[in-house]
Amino acid sequence: MKRSLGIICVFLIVFLLSGCGKSSFDGSRIGNDSQFVMKYKIFNTTDEQSLLLESGATIRTEVIVDSGKLSIKIQKDSDTPIYERDDIVTSENFDVEIQESGTYKITVIGENTKGGVNFKKVDGEKAEQEETQQGISEKKIDLGGAFQEINGCAVIYSPVQEEYSFFNEDMCRQEVSPYSTFKIISALLGLQKGVIVDESSTMGYDGTDYGNAEWNGDLTLEEAFEKSCIWYFREVIDLVGRDKMQEELKNLQYGNCDISEWNGSNINPLENLNGFWLDSSLKISPLEQVEVLSRIFEGHSDYDSRNIEILKKIMLVDENDSQKIYGKTGSGNGEAWFVGFSESDGERKYIAIYLNDSEHRNQISGNKAKEMALEILK
């Protein structure tokens, strides 16, 4: 009997020390060198994430506190924190400007907190550009009919109306892998750097069996884009080169511009079916996708008009007497994209659809995202 009581006491002590069985974290988390995003039903612990920042950059911060309280500290090495607050009990947005380049650690402590945090690196040039865009309006739209209970988001940008329209805005601002939508950029850079000449350019098929009959041949640029052939664009990207690729992504302000995992994360068995744009280091949000497309096709970049016209030609996915729709799909790991734009009566509207739904995984595909985009744009 005494032994039984002793065992019970031990279990009671362990239970009490563990916080009476209280959950420490129930939610989702995304963290890398350029962003730190958490959403949670309960956050009752400490979490940290380091961001690599250059002088002049900004940490754009969104804090949501539905209940409980939060503490935040941002600090470079052992220096005095550049931002520190305890007992935050209300939701708010704020910016933290970076004066000195380096690695900054963000520490978040929750006490019975429900809500979320979003810390995002914004480079100096991009921050300035966003300041000049403050006159552009934003609105929320209901696209539930098109999404049919599939978890995802959409952002539409109209330069003529100077307006962004969001469906699930928070999701539209989170950076994720671009997957094959990055073929838009690699095709344009290949043309601009002379790696490929036009839509008929081939890359010299070496006879490898890629497990996809449509990829087993000496494809043209137009064919490789349509069939989303990874090895073709892996060759283009390698010939463009790491330094030029990094420079161009920074000029385009393409997401986090992170190509550190140049060879990818080995999500595919063959070496040249992997890359930094496939579930690896490069990340971009749906909002940033439409911003990049608008820079290219609204003439706010240095790319040759001839190369942009070739890119438009291979991006065409649908047309009728009054409207043309251009774009590219992408998918992987239960995620799917369509990014592109429509042209009608001299007006362009840019769109990005992103899907991520574990409960409806069998419905998630690039083609499904494209179907939604065509329905919305038409």
Protein backbone atom coordinates (compact mmCIF):
# COMPACT_ATOMS: atom_id res chain seq x y z
CA MET A 1 0.00 0.00 0.00
CA LYS A 2 2.80 2.44 0.91
CA ARG A 3 4.57 1.63 -2.36
CA SER A 4 1.39 2.36 -4.34
CA LEU A 5 0.97 5.69 -2.55
CA GLY A 6 4.60 6.53 -3.33
CA ILE A 7 4.10 5.85 -7.06
CA ILE A 8 0.96 7.98 -7.09
CA CYS A 9 2.83 10.83 -5.41
CA VAL A 10 5.61 10.66 -8.02
CA PHE A 11 3.07 10.90 -10.85
CA LEU A 12 1.36 13.84 -9.13
CA ILE A 13 4.67 15.69 -8.79
CA VAL A 14 5.55 15.11 -12.49
CA PHE A 15 2.06 16.26 -13.48
CA LEU A 16 2.36 19.44 -11.40
CA LEU A 17 5.85 20.24 -12.72
CA SER A 18 4.61 19.89 -16.30
CA GLY A 19 2.16 22.75 -15.74
CA CYS A 20 -0.82 20.61 -14.73
CA GLY A 21 -0.99 19.12 -18.22
CA LYS A 22 -1.33 22.54 -19.86
CA SER A 23 -0.44 22.61 -23.57
CA SER A 24 2.53 24.87 -24.38
CA PHE A 25 1.87 25.34 -28.13
CA ASP A 26 -1.00 24.53 -30.48
CA GLY A 27 -0.60 26.15 -33.86
CA SER A 28 1.60 26.55 -36.93
CA ARG A 29 5.05 28.06 -37.47
CA ILE A 30 7.15 29.26 -40.41
CA GLY A 31 10.70 30.51 -39.81
CA ASN A 32 13.71 31.30 -42.00
CA ASP A 33 16.28 34.07 -42.59
CA SER A 34 13.63 36.52 -43.81
CA GLN A 35 10.43 35.83 -41.90
CA PHE A 36 9.01 34.45 -38.65
CA VAL A 37 5.29 33.63 -38.68
CA MET A 38 3.25 31.87 -36.01
CA LYS A 39 -0.48 31.33 -35.62
CA TYR A 40 -1.70 29.61 -32.48
CA LYS A 41 -4.70 28.67 -30.41
CA ILE A 42 -2.39 28.48 -27.40
CA PHE A 43 1.14 29.83 -26.99
CA ASN A 44 2.49 29.26 -23.53
CA THR A 45 6.21 29.01 -24.11
CA THR A 46 9.24 30.78 -25.64
CA ASP A 47 10.22 30.69 -29.32
CA GLU A 48 13.12 32.27 -31.19
CA GLN A 49 14.06 32.94 -34.80
CA SER A 50 17.07 34.69 -36.35
CA LEU A 51 16.72 37.02 -39.34
CA LEU A 52 19.67 38.04 -41.54
CA LEU A 53 19.31 41.79 -42.08
CA GLU A 54 21.21 44.55 -43.84
CA SER A 55 21.46 48.18 -42.81
CA GLY A 56 18.42 50.11 -44.02
CA ALA A 57 16.11 47.10 -43.89
CA THR A 58 12.89 47.02 -41.88
CA ILE A 59 11.26 44.29 -39.79
CA ARG A 60 7.57 44.67 -40.65
CA THR A 61 5.68 43.34 -37.66
CA GLU A 62 2.09 42.26 -37.06
CA VAL A 63 1.02 41.12 -33.60
CA ILE A 64 -2.41 39.59 -32.95
CA VAL A 65 -3.43 39.08 -29.32
CA ASP A 66 -6.93 37.64 -28.94
CA SER A 67 -6.29 36.66 -25.32
CA GLY A 68 -3.41 36.35 -22.87
CA LYS A 69 -0.26 38.42 -23.21
CA LEU A 70 2.98 38.45 -25.16
CA SER A 71 6.56 39.67 -24.75
CA ILE A 72 8.88 40.46 -27.67
CA LYS A 73 12.60 41.18 -27.86
CA ILE A 74 14.71 41.86 -30.97
CA GLN A 75 18.47 41.83 -30.44
CA LYS A 76 21.69 41.65 -32.45
CA ASP A 77 24.25 39.36 -30.79
CA SER A 78 24.73 40.56 -27.19
CA ASP A 79 24.04 44.22 -28.03
CA THR A 80 21.32 46.25 -26.36
CA PRO A 81 17.96 45.13 -27.80
CA ILE A 82 16.71 47.38 -30.58
CA TYR A 83 13.14 46.54 -29.56
CA GLU A 84 11.82 45.14 -26.29
CA ARG A 85 8.31 45.06 -24.82
CA ASP A 86 6.63 43.00 -22.14
CA ASP A 87 3.00 42.21 -21.40
CA ILE A 88 1.52 43.08 -24.82
CA VAL A 89 -2.25 42.51 -24.53
CA THR A 90 -3.60 44.20 -27.68
CA SER A 91 -3.11 43.59 -31.41
CA GLU A 92 -0.93 46.06 -33.31
CA ASN A 93 1.32 46.61 -36.33
CA PHE A 94 4.69 48.33 -36.25
CA ASP A 95 8.04 48.57 -38.07
CA VAL A 96 11.51 48.16 -36.61
CA GLU A 97 14.25 49.84 -38.67
CA ILE A 98 17.71 48.25 -38.89
CA GLN A 99 20.69 50.56 -38.55
CA GLU A 100 23.48 47.96 -38.59
CA SER A 101 23.82 44.81 -40.73
CA GLY A 102 23.91 41.48 -38.95
CA THR A 103 21.90 38.57 -37.56
CA TYR A 104 19.05 39.61 -35.31
CA LYS A 105 17.33 37.19 -32.95
CA ILE A 106 13.61 37.63 -32.33
CA THR A 107 12.42 36.17 -29.02
CA VAL A 108 8.69 35.77 -28.38
CA ILE A 109 7.30 34.70 -24.99
CA GLY A 110 3.63 33.82 -24.58
CA GLU A 111 1.51 33.57 -21.48
CA ASN A 112 -1.82 31.85 -22.19
CA THR A 113 -1.80 33.66 -25.53
CA LYS A 114 -4.13 33.13 -28.49
CA GLY A 115 -3.42 34.90 -31.78
CA GLY A 116 -0.28 35.15 -33.88
CA VAL A 117 2.83 37.07 -34.91
CA ASN A 118 4.31 37.92 -38.29
CA PHE A 119 7.84 39.34 -38.53
CA LYS A 120 8.94 39.95 -42.13
CA LYS A 121 12.18 41.36 -43.51
CA VAL A 122 11.65 44.22 -45.97
CA ASP A 123 14.77 45.45 -47.77
CA GLY A 124 15.47 49.17 -47.77
CA GLU A 125 14.57 49.77 -51.43
CA LYS A 126 11.36 47.80 -51.07
CA ALA A 127 10.38 49.71 -47.93
CA GLU A 128 10.82 52.98 -49.84
CA GLN A 129 8.75 51.64 -52.71
CA GLU A 130 5.96 50.56 -50.35
CA GLU A 131 5.90 54.07 -48.90
CA THR A 132 5.26 55.48 -52.38
CA GLN A 133 2.44 52.93 -52.86
CA GLN A 134 0.52 53.98 -49.78
CA GLY A 135 -2.07 55.64 -52.00
CA ILE A 136 -3.03 52.27 -53.50
CA SER A 137 -6.25 50.99 -51.95
CA GLU A 138 -6.89 47.51 -50.56
CA LYS A 139 -10.12 45.60 -50.13
CA LYS A 140 -11.29 42.14 -49.13
CA ILE A 141 -13.34 40.02 -51.51
CA ASP A 142 -15.35 36.84 -51.01
CA LEU A 143 -14.16 34.07 -53.35
CA GLY A 144 -15.58 31.20 -51.29
CA GLY A 145 -17.60 29.98 -54.29
CA ALA A 146 -14.48 29.54 -56.41
CA PHE A 147 -12.44 27.90 -53.63
CA GLN A 148 -15.22 25.46 -52.65
CA GLU A 149 -13.98 25.01 -49.06
CA ILE A 150 -10.39 24.36 -50.20
CA ASN A 151 -7.93 26.21 -47.98
CA GLY A 152 -6.13 28.85 -49.97
CA CYS A 153 -5.91 32.51 -50.86
CA ALA A 154 -5.99 34.91 -53.77
CA VAL A 155 -4.72 38.40 -54.47
CA ILE A 156 -5.67 40.50 -57.49
CA TYR A 157 -3.95 43.74 -58.44
CA SER A 158 -5.33 46.31 -60.84
CA PRO A 159 -2.78 49.01 -61.79
CA VAL A 160 -5.47 51.05 -63.57
CA GLN A 161 -7.71 51.14 -60.49
CA GLU A 162 -4.67 51.23 -58.16
CA GLU A 163 -6.26 48.55 -56.02
CA TYR A 164 -5.38 45.24 -54.38
CA SER A 165 -8.16 42.74 -53.67
CA PHE A 166 -7.55 39.98 -51.10
CA PHE A 167 -9.18 36.68 -50.26
CA ASN A 168 -7.59 35.36 -47.02
CA GLU A 169 -5.20 38.31 -46.79
CA ASP A 170 -2.96 36.91 -44.03
CA MET A 171 -2.17 33.86 -46.17
CA CYS A 172 -1.48 36.15 -49.15
CA ARG A 173 1.35 37.76 -47.19
CA GLN A 174 3.13 34.56 -46.11
CA GLU A 175 6.21 33.50 -48.10
CA VAL A 176 6.31 29.92 -49.39
CA SER A 177 8.11 28.01 -52.14
CA PRO A 178 7.27 29.25 -55.66
CA TYR A 179 7.71 25.79 -57.20
CA SER A 180 7.27 25.87 -61.00
CA THR A 181 5.89 29.41 -61.09
CA PHE A 182 9.57 30.35 -60.94
CA LYS A 183 9.85 29.21 -64.57
CA ILE A 184 8.45 32.66 -65.46
CA ILE A 185 11.59 34.23 -64.02
CA SER A 186 14.07 31.62 -65.24
CA ALA A 187 12.68 31.86 -68.79
CA LEU A 188 12.97 35.65 -68.78
CA LEU A 189 16.50 35.62 -67.34
CA GLY A 190 17.54 32.92 -69.82
CA LEU A 191 16.35 35.14 -72.67
CA GLN A 192 17.85 38.31 -71.20
CA LYS A 193 21.28 36.70 -70.61
CA GLY A 194 21.38 35.01 -74.03
CA VAL A 195 21.23 31.45 -72.68
CA ILE A 196 18.18 30.92 -74.87
CA VAL A 197 17.25 32.98 -77.91
CA ASP A 198 13.49 32.56 -78.39
CA GLU A 199 10.60 30.15 -77.85
CA SER A 200 12.19 27.57 -80.20
CA SER A 201 15.46 27.26 -78.23
CA THR A 202 16.40 23.76 -77.01
CA MET A 203 18.79 22.67 -74.26
CA GLY A 204 20.22 19.40 -75.62
CA TYR A 205 18.41 16.38 -74.18
CA ASP A 206 20.97 13.81 -72.96
CA GLY A 207 18.79 10.69 -73.12
CA THR A 208 17.98 10.46 -69.41
CA ASP A 209 14.66 8.81 -68.53
CA TYR A 210 12.99 11.33 -66.21
CA GLY A 211 9.99 9.17 -65.42
CA ASN A 212 7.80 11.57 -67.37
CA ALA A 213 7.44 10.77 -71.07
CA GLU A 214 6.70 14.44 -71.88
CA TRP A 215 10.15 15.43 -70.56
CA ASN A 216 12.12 12.77 -72.44
CA GLY A 217 13.13 14.74 -75.51
CA ASP A 218 14.89 17.84 -76.80
CA LEU A 219 12.14 20.28 -75.90
CA THR A 220 11.85 23.87 -77.08
CA LEU A 221 11.40 26.68 -74.55
CA GLU A 222 7.71 26.86 -75.39
CA GLU A 223 7.27 23.10 -74.93
CA ALA A 224 9.33 23.00 -71.73
CA PHE A 225 7.29 25.85 -70.25
CA GLU A 226 3.97 24.24 -71.18
CA LYS A 227 5.01 20.80 -69.86
CA SER A 228 6.72 22.37 -66.81
CA CYS A 229 9.93 20.44 -67.53
CA ILE A 230 12.25 20.83 -64.54
CA TRP A 231 15.49 19.62 -66.11
CA TYR A 232 15.22 22.16 -68.97
CA PHE A 233 15.01 25.11 -66.60
CA ARG A 234 17.66 23.63 -64.29
CA GLU A 235 20.01 23.86 -67.29
CA VAL A 236 18.92 27.43 -68.04
CA ILE A 237 19.41 28.51 -64.42
CA ASP A 238 22.87 26.92 -64.17
CA LEU A 239 23.95 28.72 -67.36
CA VAL A 240 22.63 32.05 -66.07
CA GLY A 241 24.83 31.45 -63.02
CA ARG A 242 24.55 31.99 -59.31
CA ASP A 243 25.88 35.56 -59.14
CA LYS A 244 23.68 36.90 -61.96
CA MET A 245 20.66 35.06 -60.58
CA GLN A 246 21.17 36.60 -57.15
CA GLU A 247 21.56 40.07 -58.65
CA GLU A 248 18.42 39.77 -60.77
CA LEU A 249 16.26 38.46 -57.93
CA LYS A 250 17.30 41.41 -55.76
CA ASN A 251 16.51 43.82 -58.60
CA LEU A 252 13.07 42.22 -58.99
CA GLN A 253 12.59 42.09 -55.20
CA TYR A 254 11.57 38.47 -55.63
CA GLY A 255 10.43 37.28 -52.19
CA ASN A 256 13.29 36.50 -49.82
CA CYS A 257 15.81 36.33 -52.74
CA ASP A 258 17.39 33.32 -50.98
CA ILE A 259 19.22 30.99 -53.39
CA SER A 260 21.58 29.61 -50.73
CA GLU A 261 20.35 26.05 -51.39
CA TRP A 262 21.35 26.33 -55.06
CA ASN A 263 21.08 22.59 -55.68
CA GLY A 264 17.82 22.25 -53.77
CA SER A 265 16.70 19.99 -50.95
CA ASN A 266 16.63 16.65 -52.82
CA ILE A 267 12.85 16.38 -53.00
CA ASN A 268 13.29 14.54 -56.32
CA PRO A 269 15.54 11.49 -56.91
CA LEU A 270 17.47 12.92 -59.89
CA GLU A 271 19.96 15.72 -59.25
CA ASN A 272 18.80 18.00 -62.06
CA LEU A 273 15.18 17.78 -60.91
CA ASN A 274 16.01 19.81 -57.79
CA GLY A 275 16.72 23.46 -57.12
CA PHE A 276 16.42 26.37 -54.71
CA TRP A 277 12.93 27.19 -56.07
CA LEU A 278 11.49 23.72 -55.29
CA ASP A 279 10.52 23.41 -51.61
CA SER A 280 13.90 24.85 -50.69
CA SER A 281 15.48 28.19 -49.71
CA LEU A 282 13.67 30.56 -52.11
CA LYS A 283 10.31 31.83 -50.78
CA ILE A 284 7.75 34.31 -52.05
CA SER A 285 4.25 35.35 -51.00
CA PRO A 286 1.22 35.54 -53.32
CA LEU A 287 1.23 39.33 -52.85
CA GLU A 288 4.89 39.49 -53.87
CA GLN A 289 4.15 37.30 -56.91
CA VAL A 290 1.72 39.86 -58.36
CA GLU A 291 4.11 42.70 -57.49
CA VAL A 292 6.94 41.01 -59.40
CA LEU A 293 4.72 40.34 -62.43
CA SER A 294 3.52 43.94 -62.48
CA ARG A 295 7.11 45.23 -62.42
CA ILE A 296 7.93 43.10 -65.45
CA PHE A 297 4.81 43.65 -67.57
CA GLU A 298 4.09 47.27 -66.58
CA GLY A 299 7.57 48.28 -67.75
CA HIS A 300 9.13 48.89 -64.35
CA SER A 301 12.20 46.75 -65.05
CA ASP A 302 15.20 46.77 -67.38
CA TYR A 303 14.22 43.70 -69.40
CA ASP A 304 14.11 44.01 -73.19
CA SER A 305 10.60 44.40 -74.61
CA ARG A 306 11.38 41.61 -77.12
CA ASN A 307 12.13 39.15 -74.33
CA ILE A 308 9.02 40.17 -72.41
CA GLU A 309 6.91 39.56 -75.53
CA ILE A 310 8.42 36.07 -75.94
CA LEU A 311 7.64 35.37 -72.30
CA LYS A 312 4.05 36.53 -72.81
CA LYS A 313 3.68 34.24 -75.79
CA ILE A 314 4.66 31.10 -73.85
CA MET A 315 2.54 32.17 -70.85
CA LEU A 316 -0.75 32.36 -72.81
CA VAL A 317 -3.24 29.88 -71.31
CA ASP A 318 -6.66 31.11 -72.49
CA GLU A 319 -8.14 33.64 -74.90
CA ASN A 320 -11.38 34.78 -76.47
CA ASP A 321 -12.50 37.79 -78.49
CA SER A 322 -12.38 40.15 -75.51
CA GLN A 323 -9.80 38.73 -73.10
CA LYS A 324 -6.42 36.99 -72.95
CA ILE A 325 -5.13 35.24 -69.82
CA TYR A 326 -1.46 34.48 -69.19
CA GLY A 327 0.14 32.51 -66.38
CA LYS A 328 2.00 29.56 -64.92
CA THR A 329 1.06 26.81 -62.51
CA GLY A 330 3.24 25.24 -59.84
CA SER A 331 2.77 22.48 -57.28
CA GLY A 332 4.49 20.21 -54.79
CA ASN A 333 4.19 18.80 -51.28
CA GLY A 334 0.43 19.40 -51.07
CA GLU A 335 0.72 23.01 -52.28
CA ALA A 336 -0.32 24.55 -55.59
CA TRP A 337 -0.08 27.87 -57.45
CA PHE A 338 -1.37 29.81 -60.39
CA VAL A 339 0.15 33.23 -61.03
CA GLY A 340 -0.48 35.40 -64.04
CA PHE A 341 -2.61 38.20 -65.46
CA SER A 342 -5.45 39.02 -67.81
CA GLU A 343 -5.62 41.60 -70.59
CA SER A 344 -8.98 43.08 -71.57
CA ASP A 345 -9.85 46.45 -73.11
CA GLY A 346 -6.29 47.66 -72.60
CA GLU A 347 -6.33 46.86 -68.87
CA ARG A 348 -4.25 44.25 -67.03
CA LYS A 349 -5.24 42.52 -63.81
CA TYR A 350 -2.61 40.46 -62.00
CA ILE A 351 -3.56 37.42 -59.94
CA ALA A 352 -1.94 34.87 -57.65
CA ILE A 353 -3.80 31.82 -56.33
CA TYR A 354 -2.14 29.68 -53.65
CA LEU A 355 -3.60 26.45 -52.21
CA ASN A 356 -2.45 24.51 -49.15
CA ASP A 357 -4.96 22.10 -47.63
CA SER A 358 -4.02 18.79 -45.99
CA GLU A 359 -7.68 17.78 -45.62
CA HIS A 360 -8.32 18.09 -49.38
CA ARG A 361 -4.86 17.03 -50.53
CA ASN A 362 -6.19 14.93 -53.42
CA GLN A 363 -7.79 18.07 -54.91
CA ILE A 364 -4.68 20.25 -54.70
CA SER A 365 -2.94 20.76 -58.05
CA GLY A 366 -1.68 23.49 -60.31
CA ASN A 367 -4.53 22.78 -62.71
CA LYS A 368 -7.05 23.27 -59.89
CA ALA A 369 -5.46 26.63 -59.05
CA LYS A 370 -5.60 27.57 -62.74
CA GLU A 371 -9.29 26.63 -62.96
CA MET A 372 -10.03 28.91 -60.02
CA ALA A 373 -8.04 31.77 -61.54
CA LEU A 374 -9.81 31.47 -64.90
CA GLU A 375 -13.20 31.46 -63.17
CA ILE A 376 -12.30 34.54 -61.13
CA LEU A 377 -10.74 36.49 -64.01
CA LYS A 378 -13.60 35.77 -66.38
